[in-house]
N, C-alpha and C. Protein backbone atom coordinates (compact mmCIF):
# COMPACT_ATOMS: atom_id res chain seq x y z
N MET A 1 -19.76 -4.09 -13.46
CA MET A 1 -20.11 -4.49 -12.21
C MET A 1 -21.77 -4.36 -12.30
N THR A 2 -22.50 -5.46 -12.04
CA THR A 2 -23.81 -5.48 -11.66
C THR A 2 -24.13 -4.61 -10.68
N PRO A 3 -25.69 -4.26 -10.66
CA PRO A 3 -26.07 -3.57 -9.48
C PRO A 3 -26.01 -4.67 -8.25
N LYS A 4 -26.40 -5.83 -8.64
CA LYS A 4 -26.07 -7.04 -7.46
C LYS A 4 -24.75 -7.10 -6.70
N GLN A 5 -23.80 -7.10 -7.68
CA GLN A 5 -22.01 -7.11 -7.13
C GLN A 5 -21.89 -5.89 -6.51
N VAL A 6 -22.40 -4.77 -6.74
CA VAL A 6 -22.42 -3.31 -6.29
C VAL A 6 -23.11 -3.53 -4.73
N GLN A 7 -24.14 -4.04 -5.11
CA GLN A 7 -24.87 -4.20 -3.31
C GLN A 7 -24.09 -5.19 -2.51
N ARG A 8 -23.64 -6.32 -3.35
CA ARG A 8 -23.05 -6.83 -2.13
C ARG A 8 -21.59 -6.31 -1.27
N LEU A 9 -20.97 -5.72 -2.43
CA LEU A 9 -19.60 -4.94 -1.56
C LEU A 9 -20.10 -3.89 -0.90
N GLU A 10 -21.12 -3.08 -1.27
CA GLU A 10 -21.69 -2.36 -0.35
C GLU A 10 -22.05 -2.60 1.15
N THR A 11 -22.73 -4.06 1.01
CA THR A 11 -23.52 -4.59 2.40
C THR A 11 -21.84 -5.17 3.18
N LYS A 12 -20.66 -5.41 2.37
CA LYS A 12 -19.43 -6.14 3.21
C LYS A 12 -18.83 -4.74 3.48
N LEU A 13 -19.00 -3.66 3.19
CA LEU A 13 -18.28 -2.66 3.62
C LEU A 13 -19.23 -1.75 4.91
N ALA A 14 -20.75 -2.25 4.77
CA ALA A 14 -21.54 -1.76 6.15
C ALA A 14 -21.14 -2.54 7.08
N ASP A 15 -21.01 -4.08 6.55
CA ASP A 15 -20.91 -5.48 7.80
C ASP A 15 -19.31 -4.75 8.71
N ILE A 16 -18.31 -4.47 7.95
CA ILE A 16 -17.13 -4.08 8.39
C ILE A 16 -17.02 -3.18 9.01
N LYS A 17 -17.77 -2.12 9.12
CA LYS A 17 -17.80 -0.86 9.93
C LYS A 17 -18.90 -1.12 10.99
N ARG A 18 -19.71 -2.19 10.80
CA ARG A 18 -20.59 -2.45 12.14
C ARG A 18 -19.77 -3.50 12.84
N ILE A 19 -18.72 -4.34 12.52
CA ILE A 19 -17.95 -5.36 13.24
C ILE A 19 -16.71 -4.06 14.01
N LEU A 20 -16.42 -3.57 13.40
CA LEU A 20 -15.35 -2.58 14.14
C LEU A 20 -15.87 -1.90 15.21
N ALA A 21 -17.00 -1.02 14.59
CA ALA A 21 -17.83 0.02 15.51
C ALA A 21 -18.17 -1.09 16.92
N ALA A 22 -18.72 -2.25 16.92
CA ALA A 22 -18.95 -3.04 18.06
C ALA A 22 -18.07 -3.48 18.57
N GLU A 23 -16.74 -3.61 18.08
CA GLU A 23 -15.58 -3.84 18.75
C GLU A 23 -15.18 -2.69 19.74
N LYS A 24 -15.21 -1.69 19.11
CA LYS A 24 -14.83 -0.05 19.60
C LYS A 24 -15.88 -0.06 20.86
N ARG A 25 -17.21 -0.46 20.90
CA ARG A 25 -17.91 0.03 21.92
C ARG A 25 -17.61 -0.96 22.89
N LYS A 26 -17.56 -2.52 22.67
CA LYS A 26 -17.09 -3.57 23.72
C LYS A 26 -15.96 -3.17 24.33
N TYR A 27 -14.73 -3.38 23.82
CA TYR A 27 -13.49 -3.36 24.19
C TYR A 27 -12.86 -1.96 24.46
N GLY A 28 -13.75 -0.92 24.31
CA GLY A 28 -12.93 0.59 24.05
C GLY A 28 -11.67 0.75 22.96
N GLY A 29 -11.48 0.01 22.02
CA GLY A 29 -10.72 -0.17 21.19
C GLY A 29 -10.74 -1.25 20.11
N TYR A 30 -9.80 -1.19 19.62
CA TYR A 30 -9.95 -2.50 18.15
C TYR A 30 -9.56 -3.86 18.61
N ASP A 31 -9.80 -4.82 18.44
CA ASP A 31 -9.59 -5.98 18.64
C ASP A 31 -9.30 -6.84 17.21
N ASP A 32 -8.85 -6.21 16.19
CA ASP A 32 -8.98 -7.02 14.82
C ASP A 32 -7.99 -7.57 14.39
N SER A 33 -7.71 -9.00 14.96
CA SER A 33 -7.05 -9.81 14.65
C SER A 33 -7.23 -10.37 13.38
N ARG A 34 -8.49 -10.34 12.97
CA ARG A 34 -8.99 -10.86 11.66
C ARG A 34 -8.44 -9.86 10.18
N GLY A 35 -7.59 -8.64 10.81
CA GLY A 35 -7.54 -8.00 9.78
C GLY A 35 -8.77 -7.58 8.78
N LEU A 36 -10.01 -7.08 9.28
CA LEU A 36 -10.79 -6.56 8.84
C LEU A 36 -10.51 -5.15 8.24
N ARG A 37 -9.81 -4.52 9.07
CA ARG A 37 -9.84 -3.13 8.75
C ARG A 37 -9.03 -2.89 7.15
N TYR A 38 -8.19 -3.85 6.93
CA TYR A 38 -7.50 -4.05 5.47
C TYR A 38 -8.56 -4.21 4.19
N LEU A 39 -9.50 -4.52 4.54
CA LEU A 39 -10.62 -4.96 3.48
C LEU A 39 -11.12 -3.74 2.48
N PRO A 40 -11.78 -2.91 3.40
CA PRO A 40 -12.53 -1.63 2.82
C PRO A 40 -11.57 -1.13 1.55
N THR A 41 -10.34 -0.96 1.78
CA THR A 41 -9.80 -0.34 0.38
C THR A 41 -10.16 -0.90 -0.97
N ARG A 42 -10.13 -1.99 -0.65
CA ARG A 42 -10.31 -3.22 -2.00
C ARG A 42 -11.93 -2.82 -2.45
N TYR A 43 -12.49 -2.84 -1.70
CA TYR A 43 -13.98 -2.94 -1.84
C TYR A 43 -14.29 -1.37 -2.51
N TYR A 44 -13.76 -0.31 -2.02
CA TYR A 44 -14.07 0.78 -2.50
C TYR A 44 -13.13 1.10 -3.89
N VAL A 45 -11.94 0.23 -4.16
CA VAL A 45 -11.19 0.73 -5.37
C VAL A 45 -12.19 -0.32 -6.45
N GLN A 46 -12.79 -1.44 -6.01
CA GLN A 46 -13.59 -2.10 -6.64
C GLN A 46 -14.97 -1.26 -6.94
N LEU A 47 -15.51 -0.58 -6.48
CA LEU A 47 -16.56 0.21 -6.83
C LEU A 47 -16.18 1.25 -7.25
N GLY A 48 -15.26 1.66 -7.58
CA GLY A 48 -14.85 3.19 -8.04
C GLY A 48 -15.16 4.28 -7.20
N ASP A 49 -15.18 3.79 -5.98
CA ASP A 49 -15.87 4.99 -5.14
C ASP A 49 -14.41 5.62 -4.49
N TYR A 50 -13.71 6.08 -5.04
CA TYR A 50 -12.42 6.87 -4.39
C TYR A 50 -12.40 7.99 -3.35
N ALA A 51 -13.86 8.50 -3.34
CA ALA A 51 -13.83 9.63 -2.60
C ALA A 51 -14.09 9.04 -0.97
N GLY A 52 -14.77 7.80 -1.58
CA GLY A 52 -15.34 6.86 -0.17
C GLY A 52 -13.96 6.57 0.66
N GLY A 53 -13.07 5.83 -0.39
CA GLY A 53 -12.03 5.42 -0.25
C GLY A 53 -10.93 6.32 0.82
N LEU A 54 -11.23 7.27 0.09
CA LEU A 54 -10.12 8.45 0.67
C LEU A 54 -10.80 9.15 2.30
N HIS A 55 -11.88 8.88 2.20
CA HIS A 55 -12.59 8.83 3.91
C HIS A 55 -12.11 7.91 4.77
N TYR A 56 -12.14 6.73 3.98
CA TYR A 56 -11.87 5.69 5.07
C TYR A 56 -10.38 5.53 5.13
N THR A 57 -9.71 5.83 4.50
CA THR A 57 -8.29 5.78 4.69
C THR A 57 -7.67 6.67 5.57
N ARG A 58 -8.61 8.12 5.44
CA ARG A 58 -7.82 9.10 6.56
C ARG A 58 -8.61 8.40 8.04
N TRP A 59 -9.81 7.81 7.98
CA TRP A 59 -10.37 7.45 9.34
C TRP A 59 -8.96 6.09 9.81
N PHE A 60 -8.79 5.26 8.86
CA PHE A 60 -7.57 4.16 9.37
C PHE A 60 -6.44 5.10 9.89
N ALA A 61 -6.32 6.10 9.00
CA ALA A 61 -4.59 6.90 9.71
C ALA A 61 -4.87 7.25 11.16
N LYS A 62 -5.95 8.04 11.15
CA LYS A 62 -6.21 8.70 12.70
C LYS A 62 -6.27 7.45 13.76
N THR A 63 -7.10 6.40 13.31
CA THR A 63 -7.43 5.29 14.31
C THR A 63 -6.31 4.24 14.33
N PHE A 64 -5.75 3.91 13.32
CA PHE A 64 -4.68 2.86 13.24
C PHE A 64 -3.22 3.65 13.03
N GLY A 65 -2.72 4.74 13.64
CA GLY A 65 -1.79 5.53 13.27
C GLY A 65 -0.44 5.02 13.23
N ASP A 66 -0.28 3.70 13.99
CA ASP A 66 0.99 3.11 13.74
C ASP A 66 1.02 1.54 13.23
N ASP A 67 -0.36 1.54 12.38
CA ASP A 67 -0.07 0.20 11.73
C ASP A 67 0.22 0.21 10.48
N VAL A 68 1.20 -0.49 10.22
CA VAL A 68 1.96 -0.44 8.57
C VAL A 68 1.29 -0.61 7.82
N GLY A 69 0.36 -1.95 7.70
CA GLY A 69 -0.40 -2.29 6.64
C GLY A 69 0.23 -3.28 5.77
N LEU A 70 -0.58 -3.78 5.02
CA LEU A 70 -0.05 -4.77 4.04
C LEU A 70 0.14 -4.36 2.66
N PRO A 71 0.85 -5.10 1.88
CA PRO A 71 1.23 -4.47 0.73
C PRO A 71 0.14 -3.91 -0.40
N ASP A 72 -0.77 -5.01 -0.39
CA ASP A 72 -2.08 -4.80 -1.07
C ASP A 72 -2.95 -3.76 -0.70
N PHE A 73 -2.94 -3.65 0.53
CA PHE A 73 -3.39 -2.50 1.43
C PHE A 73 -3.07 -1.24 0.77
N LEU A 74 -1.51 -1.03 1.16
CA LEU A 74 -0.53 0.50 1.03
C LEU A 74 -0.88 0.53 -0.62
N PHE A 75 -0.76 -0.44 -1.58
CA PHE A 75 -1.25 -0.48 -2.93
C PHE A 75 -2.57 0.46 -3.21
N GLU A 76 -3.29 -0.03 -2.69
CA GLU A 76 -4.95 0.45 -2.72
C GLU A 76 -5.02 1.91 -2.20
N TRP A 77 -4.18 1.91 -0.86
CA TRP A 77 -4.16 3.48 -0.51
C TRP A 77 -3.57 4.39 -1.43
N THR A 78 -2.51 4.07 -2.06
CA THR A 78 -2.03 4.53 -2.94
C THR A 78 -2.85 5.12 -4.57
N LEU A 79 -3.36 4.40 -4.89
CA LEU A 79 -4.34 4.32 -5.84
C LEU A 79 -5.52 5.10 -5.71
N ILE A 80 -6.06 4.89 -4.25
CA ILE A 80 -7.13 6.04 -3.88
C ILE A 80 -6.55 7.32 -3.67
N LEU A 81 -5.36 7.50 -3.07
CA LEU A 81 -4.65 9.05 -2.91
C LEU A 81 -4.43 9.60 -4.49
N PHE A 82 -3.93 8.89 -5.62
CA PHE A 82 -3.82 9.31 -6.74
C PHE A 82 -5.35 9.69 -7.41
N LYS A 83 -6.02 8.65 -7.43
CA LYS A 83 -7.42 9.02 -8.14
C LYS A 83 -8.31 10.22 -7.36
N ASN A 84 -7.74 10.49 -6.15
CA ASN A 84 -8.38 11.81 -5.66
C ASN A 84 -7.58 13.05 -5.70
N GLY A 85 -6.43 13.18 -6.70
CA GLY A 85 -5.47 14.34 -6.98
C GLY A 85 -4.48 14.70 -5.87
N LYS A 86 -4.16 13.77 -5.22
CA LYS A 86 -3.67 13.88 -3.82
C LYS A 86 -2.01 13.28 -4.09
N ASP A 87 -1.20 14.34 -5.00
CA ASP A 87 -0.31 13.70 -5.49
C ASP A 87 0.87 13.57 -4.88
N THR A 88 1.11 14.48 -3.60
CA THR A 88 2.29 14.48 -2.77
C THR A 88 1.99 12.92 -1.74
N GLU A 89 0.94 13.03 -1.42
CA GLU A 89 0.47 11.96 -0.50
C GLU A 89 0.63 10.59 -1.21
N ALA A 90 0.23 10.48 -2.37
CA ALA A 90 0.59 9.13 -2.95
C ALA A 90 1.74 8.90 -3.59
N LYS A 91 2.68 9.68 -3.66
CA LYS A 91 4.12 9.49 -3.71
C LYS A 91 4.59 8.56 -2.39
N GLN A 92 4.29 9.82 -1.25
CA GLN A 92 4.65 9.00 -0.03
C GLN A 92 4.22 7.29 0.10
N LYS A 93 3.01 7.23 -0.14
CA LYS A 93 2.35 6.01 0.03
C LYS A 93 3.18 5.15 -1.21
N ALA A 94 3.53 5.78 -2.39
CA ALA A 94 3.70 4.66 -3.11
C ALA A 94 5.22 3.97 -2.76
N TRP A 95 5.94 5.15 -1.83
CA TRP A 95 7.15 4.83 -1.50
C TRP A 95 6.82 3.61 -0.50
N LEU A 96 6.00 4.13 0.69
CA LEU A 96 5.97 3.06 1.41
C LEU A 96 5.33 1.63 1.08
N THR A 97 4.57 1.59 0.08
CA THR A 97 4.23 0.35 -0.89
C THR A 97 5.37 -0.39 -1.29
N PHE A 98 6.24 0.36 -1.73
CA PHE A 98 7.58 -0.13 -2.46
C PHE A 98 8.19 -1.19 -1.13
N CYS A 99 8.29 -0.33 0.01
CA CYS A 99 9.31 -0.81 0.81
C CYS A 99 8.37 -2.14 1.59
N SER A 100 7.24 -1.78 0.99
CA SER A 100 6.82 -3.36 1.75
C SER A 100 7.03 -4.70 0.97
N HIS A 101 6.88 -4.18 -0.42
CA HIS A 101 7.21 -5.25 -1.21
C HIS A 101 7.35 -4.88 -2.49
N PRO A 102 8.96 -4.86 -2.60
CA PRO A 102 9.65 -4.41 -3.75
C PRO A 102 9.13 -4.72 -5.37
N ASP A 103 8.68 -5.97 -5.16
CA ASP A 103 8.01 -6.51 -6.61
C ASP A 103 7.01 -6.20 -7.19
N LEU A 104 5.89 -5.29 -5.91
CA LEU A 104 4.63 -5.45 -6.30
C LEU A 104 4.30 -4.53 -7.38
N PHE A 105 5.10 -3.39 -7.51
CA PHE A 105 4.61 -2.41 -8.90
C PHE A 105 5.58 -2.93 -10.06
N ASP A 106 6.24 -3.62 -10.19
CA ASP A 106 6.94 -4.26 -11.41
C ASP A 106 5.98 -5.30 -11.90
N TYR A 107 4.93 -6.02 -10.72
CA TYR A 107 3.83 -6.95 -11.12
C TYR A 107 2.73 -6.42 -11.73
N PHE A 108 2.30 -5.30 -11.08
CA PHE A 108 0.97 -4.52 -11.58
C PHE A 108 1.54 -3.75 -12.88
N LEU A 109 2.67 -3.57 -13.31
CA LEU A 109 2.99 -2.94 -14.40
C LEU A 109 3.35 -4.15 -15.73
N GLY A 110 3.41 -5.21 -15.11
CA GLY A 110 3.66 -6.53 -16.16
C GLY A 110 5.17 -6.36 -16.50
N ARG A 111 5.97 -6.04 -15.50
CA ARG A 111 7.42 -6.36 -15.66
C ARG A 111 7.91 -7.69 -15.23
N PRO A 112 9.10 -7.91 -15.65
CA PRO A 112 9.68 -9.35 -15.23
C PRO A 112 9.79 -9.04 -13.43
N LEU A 113 9.78 -10.11 -12.99
CA LEU A 113 9.80 -10.19 -11.38
C LEU A 113 11.23 -10.58 -11.05
N GLY A 114 11.36 -10.47 -9.56
CA GLY A 114 12.62 -10.47 -8.97
C GLY A 114 13.70 -9.39 -9.44
N SER A 115 13.41 -8.37 -10.14
CA SER A 115 14.53 -7.40 -10.18
C SER A 115 14.82 -6.76 -8.70
N SER A 116 13.84 -6.55 -8.34
CA SER A 116 13.67 -5.48 -6.86
C SER A 116 14.07 -6.28 -5.88
N SER A 117 13.45 -7.32 -5.67
CA SER A 117 13.99 -7.87 -4.25
C SER A 117 14.73 -9.27 -4.67
N GLY A 118 15.04 -9.47 -5.95
CA GLY A 118 16.12 -10.90 -5.97
C GLY A 118 15.02 -12.02 -5.78
N GLY A 119 13.95 -12.04 -6.14
CA GLY A 119 12.94 -12.86 -6.38
C GLY A 119 12.02 -13.21 -5.04
N LYS A 120 12.45 -12.59 -3.97
CA LYS A 120 11.86 -13.10 -2.74
C LYS A 120 10.36 -12.95 -2.93
N ALA A 121 9.48 -13.48 -2.47
CA ALA A 121 8.41 -13.29 -1.92
C ALA A 121 7.17 -13.32 -2.97
N VAL A 122 7.90 -13.71 -4.32
CA VAL A 122 7.08 -13.44 -5.38
C VAL A 122 5.55 -14.36 -5.29
N GLY A 123 6.02 -15.51 -4.66
CA GLY A 123 4.23 -16.32 -4.77
C GLY A 123 3.28 -15.21 -4.06
N VAL A 124 3.54 -13.95 -3.21
CA VAL A 124 2.50 -13.34 -2.50
C VAL A 124 1.51 -12.95 -3.42
N LEU A 125 2.10 -12.38 -4.76
CA LEU A 125 1.24 -11.62 -5.83
C LEU A 125 0.64 -12.72 -6.39
N THR A 126 0.36 -13.79 -6.53
CA THR A 126 -0.37 -14.88 -6.73
C THR A 126 -2.11 -14.37 -6.77
N SER A 127 -2.35 -14.02 -5.54
CA SER A 127 -3.61 -13.24 -5.49
C SER A 127 -4.09 -11.93 -5.39
N PHE A 128 -2.62 -10.89 -5.96
CA PHE A 128 -3.00 -9.65 -6.41
C PHE A 128 -3.68 -9.49 -7.58
N PRO A 129 -4.95 -8.74 -7.45
CA PRO A 129 -6.11 -8.54 -8.41
C PRO A 129 -5.77 -7.15 -9.17
N TYR A 130 -4.66 -6.61 -9.47
CA TYR A 130 -4.73 -5.50 -10.09
C TYR A 130 -3.34 -5.53 -10.99
N SER A 131 -3.47 -4.98 -12.42
CA SER A 131 -2.75 -4.60 -13.49
C SER A 131 -2.88 -3.20 -14.08
N ASN A 132 -2.13 -3.01 -14.72
CA ASN A 132 -2.10 -1.56 -15.63
C ASN A 132 -2.66 -1.84 -16.86
N GLN A 133 -3.20 -2.94 -17.26
CA GLN A 133 -3.86 -3.41 -18.24
C GLN A 133 -5.51 -3.36 -17.83
N GLN A 134 -5.63 -3.21 -16.84
CA GLN A 134 -7.17 -2.70 -16.47
C GLN A 134 -7.69 -1.26 -16.81
N ALA A 135 -8.62 -1.28 -17.77
CA ALA A 135 -8.59 0.22 -17.99
C ALA A 135 -8.71 1.42 -16.97
N GLU A 136 -9.61 1.12 -16.19
CA GLU A 136 -9.60 1.97 -14.85
C GLU A 136 -8.27 2.47 -14.25
N LEU A 137 -7.67 1.46 -14.43
CA LEU A 137 -6.29 1.41 -13.58
C LEU A 137 -5.16 2.20 -14.45
N SER A 138 -5.09 2.45 -15.87
CA SER A 138 -4.38 2.89 -17.06
C SER A 138 -3.64 3.79 -16.70
N ASP A 139 -4.25 4.67 -16.11
CA ASP A 139 -4.15 6.25 -15.75
C ASP A 139 -3.11 6.09 -14.56
N PHE A 140 -3.45 5.57 -13.64
CA PHE A 140 -2.79 5.10 -12.41
C PHE A 140 -1.44 4.64 -12.76
N GLY A 141 -1.36 3.40 -13.66
CA GLY A 141 -0.30 2.89 -14.06
C GLY A 141 0.91 3.98 -14.76
N LEU A 142 0.36 4.76 -15.79
CA LEU A 142 1.37 5.51 -16.23
C LEU A 142 1.84 6.62 -15.55
N TRP A 143 0.86 7.06 -14.27
CA TRP A 143 1.68 7.94 -13.11
C TRP A 143 2.59 7.06 -12.22
N LEU A 144 2.73 5.71 -12.26
CA LEU A 144 3.13 4.94 -11.46
C LEU A 144 4.55 4.88 -12.53
N GLU A 145 4.37 4.51 -13.48
CA GLU A 145 5.61 4.46 -14.15
C GLU A 145 6.61 5.57 -14.51
N GLU A 146 5.79 6.85 -14.29
CA GLU A 146 6.37 8.12 -14.38
C GLU A 146 7.14 8.58 -12.94
N PHE A 147 6.83 8.07 -11.84
CA PHE A 147 7.07 8.37 -10.62
C PHE A 147 8.24 7.43 -10.12
N MET A 148 8.38 6.35 -10.68
CA MET A 148 9.32 5.25 -10.60
C MET A 148 10.56 5.39 -11.53
N LEU A 149 10.47 6.24 -12.45
CA LEU A 149 11.37 6.59 -13.29
C LEU A 149 11.85 8.26 -12.96
N SER A 150 11.37 8.95 -12.27
CA SER A 150 11.78 9.96 -11.80
C SER A 150 12.57 10.26 -10.30
N GLU A 151 13.60 11.22 -10.67
CA GLU A 151 13.99 11.38 -8.81
C GLU A 151 12.90 11.76 -7.96
N PRO A 152 13.19 11.27 -6.68
CA PRO A 152 14.36 10.55 -6.33
C PRO A 152 14.11 9.11 -6.21
N PHE A 153 13.04 8.68 -6.79
CA PHE A 153 12.69 7.05 -6.66
C PHE A 153 13.69 6.17 -6.98
N PRO A 154 14.45 6.38 -8.25
CA PRO A 154 15.59 5.44 -9.03
C PRO A 154 17.11 5.42 -7.75
N ARG A 155 16.95 6.81 -7.10
CA ARG A 155 18.04 6.75 -5.88
C ARG A 155 17.92 5.92 -4.62
N CYS A 156 16.42 6.34 -4.24
CA CYS A 156 16.00 5.69 -2.75
C CYS A 156 15.68 4.27 -3.24
N ARG A 157 15.40 3.88 -4.38
CA ARG A 157 15.36 2.54 -4.73
C ARG A 157 16.75 1.39 -4.42
N SER A 158 17.58 2.22 -4.99
CA SER A 158 18.94 1.42 -4.92
C SER A 158 19.54 1.65 -3.64
N HIS A 159 19.16 2.84 -2.92
CA HIS A 159 19.76 2.85 -1.70
C HIS A 159 18.95 1.97 -0.62
N TYR A 160 17.63 1.87 -0.83
CA TYR A 160 16.84 1.14 0.04
C TYR A 160 17.08 -0.63 -0.04
N LEU A 161 17.62 -0.77 -1.31
CA LEU A 161 17.86 -2.19 -1.99
C LEU A 161 19.23 -2.66 -1.22
N ALA A 162 19.74 -1.76 -1.00
CA ALA A 162 21.65 -1.99 -0.64
C ALA A 162 21.33 -2.17 0.85
N ILE A 163 20.36 -1.32 1.44
CA ILE A 163 20.34 -1.38 2.97
C ILE A 163 19.70 -2.66 3.40
N GLU A 164 18.35 -3.22 2.69
CA GLU A 164 17.79 -4.53 2.85
C GLU A 164 18.86 -5.29 2.62
N GLN A 165 19.73 -5.49 1.83
CA GLN A 165 20.84 -6.47 1.46
C GLN A 165 21.72 -6.59 2.81
N GLN A 166 22.33 -5.65 2.99
CA GLN A 166 23.23 -5.55 4.19
C GLN A 166 22.62 -5.64 5.46
N LEU A 167 20.94 -5.66 5.89
CA LEU A 167 20.54 -5.91 6.91
C LEU A 167 20.50 -7.49 7.02
N GLN A 168 20.60 -8.17 5.77
CA GLN A 168 20.34 -9.63 5.76
C GLN A 168 21.64 -10.26 6.63
N THR A 169 22.78 -9.73 6.33
CA THR A 169 23.97 -10.22 7.02
C THR A 169 24.46 -9.59 8.00
N GLU A 170 24.31 -8.38 8.57
CA GLU A 170 24.49 -7.55 9.37
C GLU A 170 23.83 -8.01 10.80
N MET A 171 24.83 -8.63 11.73
CA MET A 171 24.45 -8.73 13.35
C MET A 171 24.74 -8.06 14.14
N ASP A 172 25.51 -6.72 14.14
CA ASP A 172 25.38 -5.80 15.11
C ASP A 172 24.44 -5.21 15.58
N ARG A 173 24.05 -4.72 16.53
CA ARG A 173 22.50 -4.44 16.87
C ARG A 173 22.74 -3.00 16.56
N ASP A 174 23.42 -2.18 16.70
CA ASP A 174 23.87 -0.72 16.73
C ASP A 174 23.81 -0.48 15.26
N THR A 175 24.65 -1.20 14.56
CA THR A 175 24.43 -0.99 12.69
C THR A 175 23.47 -1.45 12.25
N ARG A 176 22.37 -2.27 12.70
CA ARG A 176 21.53 -2.74 12.56
C ARG A 176 20.24 -1.41 12.52
N LEU A 177 20.56 -1.06 13.62
CA LEU A 177 19.51 0.44 14.19
C LEU A 177 19.87 1.43 13.24
N SER A 178 21.14 1.70 12.93
CA SER A 178 21.50 2.89 12.33
C SER A 178 20.74 2.42 10.70
N LEU A 179 20.80 1.22 10.37
CA LEU A 179 20.79 1.06 8.93
C LEU A 179 19.08 1.18 8.70
N LEU A 180 18.29 0.89 9.84
CA LEU A 180 17.21 0.57 9.90
C LEU A 180 16.48 2.56 9.48
N GLN A 181 17.32 3.11 10.56
CA GLN A 181 17.00 4.75 10.66
C GLN A 181 17.38 5.35 9.16
N GLU A 182 18.27 4.79 8.65
CA GLU A 182 18.62 5.34 7.48
C GLU A 182 17.68 4.87 6.35
N ALA A 183 17.10 3.59 6.27
CA ALA A 183 15.95 3.53 5.60
C ALA A 183 14.65 4.21 5.88
N ASP A 184 14.36 4.34 7.02
CA ASP A 184 13.08 5.43 7.33
C ASP A 184 13.31 6.49 7.08
N HIS A 185 14.41 7.08 6.61
CA HIS A 185 14.54 8.45 6.45
C HIS A 185 14.31 8.63 4.65
N LEU A 186 14.61 7.54 4.33
CA LEU A 186 14.27 7.78 3.02
C LEU A 186 13.19 8.56 2.58
N LEU A 187 11.74 7.97 3.39
CA LEU A 187 10.73 8.72 2.95
C LEU A 187 10.66 10.00 3.04
N ASP A 188 11.37 10.86 4.04
CA ASP A 188 11.86 12.20 3.66
C ASP A 188 11.76 12.71 2.31
N GLN A 189 12.52 12.18 1.43
CA GLN A 189 12.75 12.20 -0.13
C GLN A 189 11.42 12.61 -0.86
N PHE A 190 10.30 12.28 -0.22
CA PHE A 190 9.00 12.33 -0.90
C PHE A 190 7.97 13.12 -0.60
N THR A 191 8.56 14.06 0.31
CA THR A 191 8.08 15.17 1.14
C THR A 191 7.72 16.45 0.02
N GLY A 192 6.54 17.20 0.08
CA GLY A 192 6.57 18.27 -0.57
C GLY A 192 7.05 18.20 -2.15
């Protein structure tokens, strides 16, 4: 990356922070309907500033605690946690990333798509900029493959996909609620 490109990304980060701070001052909260809050992780990853990315994601979690996030944002958050040596947190965020888009990791790892989601939403990945073939991400790719092969991921993956499949046809409100709670509890498998 050239110094000019670095400067552009740093300017974009500063602009986003300024805009969000202005919203906070003006509204007493954030009205980020444009989704600017999701962009800094991409810029931090591009800059290789994983410490800055960690600082941002901590602020994001505190400020937007109930925000689920978008798949690429969750992926970047997982990557940032990994690069900062936060293994347990990275595994938890990796699980949430998988749940947000089951084919995302397969795409990143260069595997055939559709095995996790039955081919749904594969088109979303056309703008996904990451691959385990990128030199700076190869260590993360190795970690991710190991994570996906080790328990509890394979068991939770199968269980989650079965729940998702059942939710597609289940109409009973109480049964759906029970299934959603069951899916939420799978995250507990990745703590500690």
